[in-house]
Amino acid sequence: MQKTVDQLDKEYEWGMQFLYQILLRMMTAIGDKDNPYKTYADVAKYYADGKLTYEGGIEHYWQSITDLKTMLAKEMDSWEAIGDAAYTSLDDLADAKKWLGDEVIPALLAEAERRGWKKPA
């Protein structure tokens, strides 16, 4: 079943929050040579820094990863809405899977590993 951005936001709050960060940090600054957020790794670092500012933030960071993995596994009928949330042009379902699974989620996992954050039990 295809879902809207709003529906995905209600079900996957933390995962969608990261997609919105891609929009806010990378996509709105396309062409701005001074924009410090040029890669998904840059956005993941920014996102992780923000999670350090409150209790439970690291758990929310991990929930973002869990949400995105669940979306990859269960919500690919809504691939257009997922791309829209990040304002990312995706060609089709296969492109959406590749983007989310090969670019977005690994950037978040690499940042958690770099910081030594262990997934909560």
Protein backbone atom coordinates (compact mmCIF):
# COMPACT_ATOMS: atom_id res chain seq x y z
CA MET A 1 0.00 0.00 0.00
CA GLN A 2 1.36 3.39 -0.95
CA LYS A 3 1.63 5.82 1.94
CA THR A 4 1.98 9.58 2.03
CA VAL A 5 4.85 11.44 3.65
CA ASP A 6 2.52 12.26 6.55
CA GLN A 7 1.63 8.61 7.08
CA LEU A 8 5.29 7.58 6.99
CA ASP A 9 6.12 10.39 9.41
CA LYS A 10 3.61 9.07 11.94
CA GLU A 11 4.88 5.49 11.67
CA TYR A 12 8.62 6.15 11.34
CA GLU A 13 9.18 9.43 13.18
CA TRP A 14 12.93 9.09 13.70
CA GLY A 15 13.74 7.66 10.29
CA MET A 16 11.78 10.40 8.62
CA GLN A 17 13.58 12.96 10.77
CA PHE A 18 16.85 11.91 9.17
CA LEU A 19 15.35 12.14 5.67
CA TYR A 20 14.22 15.67 6.49
CA GLN A 21 17.79 16.47 7.55
CA ILE A 22 18.96 15.42 4.09
CA LEU A 23 16.46 17.90 2.69
CA LEU A 24 17.41 20.68 5.07
CA ARG A 25 21.18 20.23 5.05
CA MET A 26 21.98 19.01 1.55
CA MET A 27 19.19 19.51 -0.90
CA THR A 28 18.21 23.07 -0.05
CA ALA A 29 21.81 24.16 -0.51
CA ILE A 30 22.51 22.57 -3.89
CA GLY A 31 24.92 24.83 -5.74
CA ASP A 32 26.07 26.59 -2.56
CA LYS A 33 29.82 25.96 -2.55
CA ASP A 34 30.00 27.00 1.11
CA ASN A 35 27.44 24.41 2.24
CA PRO A 36 29.29 22.07 4.66
CA TYR A 37 26.84 19.20 4.03
CA LYS A 38 27.91 17.65 0.76
CA THR A 39 27.53 13.95 1.59
CA TYR A 40 25.23 11.71 3.58
CA ALA A 41 28.13 11.17 5.98
CA ASP A 42 28.21 14.95 6.62
CA VAL A 43 24.49 14.91 7.40
CA ALA A 44 24.85 11.82 9.63
CA LYS A 45 27.57 13.60 11.63
CA TYR A 46 25.37 16.68 12.04
CA TYR A 47 22.40 14.50 13.01
CA ALA A 48 24.48 12.54 15.56
CA ASP A 49 25.83 15.76 17.07
CA GLY A 50 22.25 16.87 17.65
CA LYS A 51 21.39 13.63 19.39
CA LEU A 52 24.12 14.32 21.98
CA THR A 53 22.22 17.32 23.28
CA TYR A 54 19.54 15.42 25.19
CA GLU A 55 19.04 12.26 27.22
CA GLY A 56 17.89 9.41 25.03
CA GLY A 57 19.30 11.00 21.89
CA ILE A 58 21.59 8.11 21.05
CA GLU A 59 18.67 5.71 21.34
CA HIS A 60 16.71 7.96 18.96
CA TYR A 61 19.67 7.88 16.57
CA TRP A 62 19.54 4.08 16.59
CA GLN A 63 15.75 4.20 16.17
CA SER A 64 16.32 6.29 13.03
CA ILE A 65 18.42 3.47 11.61
CA THR A 66 15.84 0.86 12.63
CA ASP A 67 13.05 2.93 11.07
CA LEU A 68 14.92 3.32 7.80
CA LYS A 69 15.74 -0.40 7.67
CA THR A 70 12.07 -1.20 8.28
CA MET A 71 11.03 1.24 5.59
CA LEU A 72 13.49 -0.42 3.20
CA ALA A 73 12.03 -3.83 4.01
CA LYS A 74 8.33 -2.97 4.21
CA GLU A 75 7.52 0.41 2.69
CA MET A 76 8.98 0.34 -0.80
CA ASP A 77 5.51 0.74 -2.29
CA SER A 78 5.92 4.28 -0.95
CA TRP A 79 9.33 4.88 -2.51
CA GLU A 80 8.20 8.14 -4.11
CA ALA A 81 7.06 9.57 -0.73
CA ILE A 82 10.36 8.48 0.84
CA GLY A 83 12.29 10.32 -1.86
CA ASP A 84 10.02 13.34 -1.50
CA ALA A 85 10.75 13.57 2.25
CA ALA A 86 14.44 14.02 1.46
CA TYR A 87 13.74 15.97 -1.74
CA THR A 88 15.79 13.37 -3.54
CA SER A 89 15.07 12.44 -7.12
CA LEU A 90 14.66 8.67 -7.36
CA ASP A 91 14.05 7.00 -10.71
CA ASP A 92 12.14 3.92 -9.60
CA LEU A 93 11.77 1.28 -6.90
CA ALA A 94 15.20 -0.24 -7.57
CA ASP A 95 16.85 3.19 -7.36
CA ALA A 96 15.05 3.90 -4.07
CA LYS A 97 16.21 0.59 -2.58
CA LYS A 98 19.78 1.21 -3.69
CA TRP A 99 19.77 4.78 -2.35
CA LEU A 100 18.33 3.89 1.03
CA GLY A 101 20.24 0.62 1.46
CA ASP A 102 23.58 1.56 -0.07
CA GLU A 103 23.92 5.26 0.72
CA VAL A 104 21.66 6.52 3.51
CA ILE A 105 21.65 3.71 6.09
CA PRO A 106 25.40 2.96 5.76
CA ALA A 107 26.23 6.64 6.42
CA LEU A 108 24.28 6.49 9.71
CA LEU A 109 25.84 3.17 10.70
CA ALA A 110 29.35 4.40 9.93
CA GLU A 111 28.84 7.50 12.09
CA ALA A 112 27.58 5.40 15.01
CA GLU A 113 30.56 3.09 14.64
CA ARG A 114 32.96 6.04 14.44
CA ARG A 115 31.56 7.32 17.74
CA GLY A 116 31.63 3.89 19.35
CA TRP A 117 27.88 3.87 19.88
CA LYS A 118 26.55 0.42 20.54
CA LYS A 119 23.01 -0.43 19.54
CA PRO A 120 20.81 -0.54 22.65
CA ALA A 121 19.52 -3.96 23.62
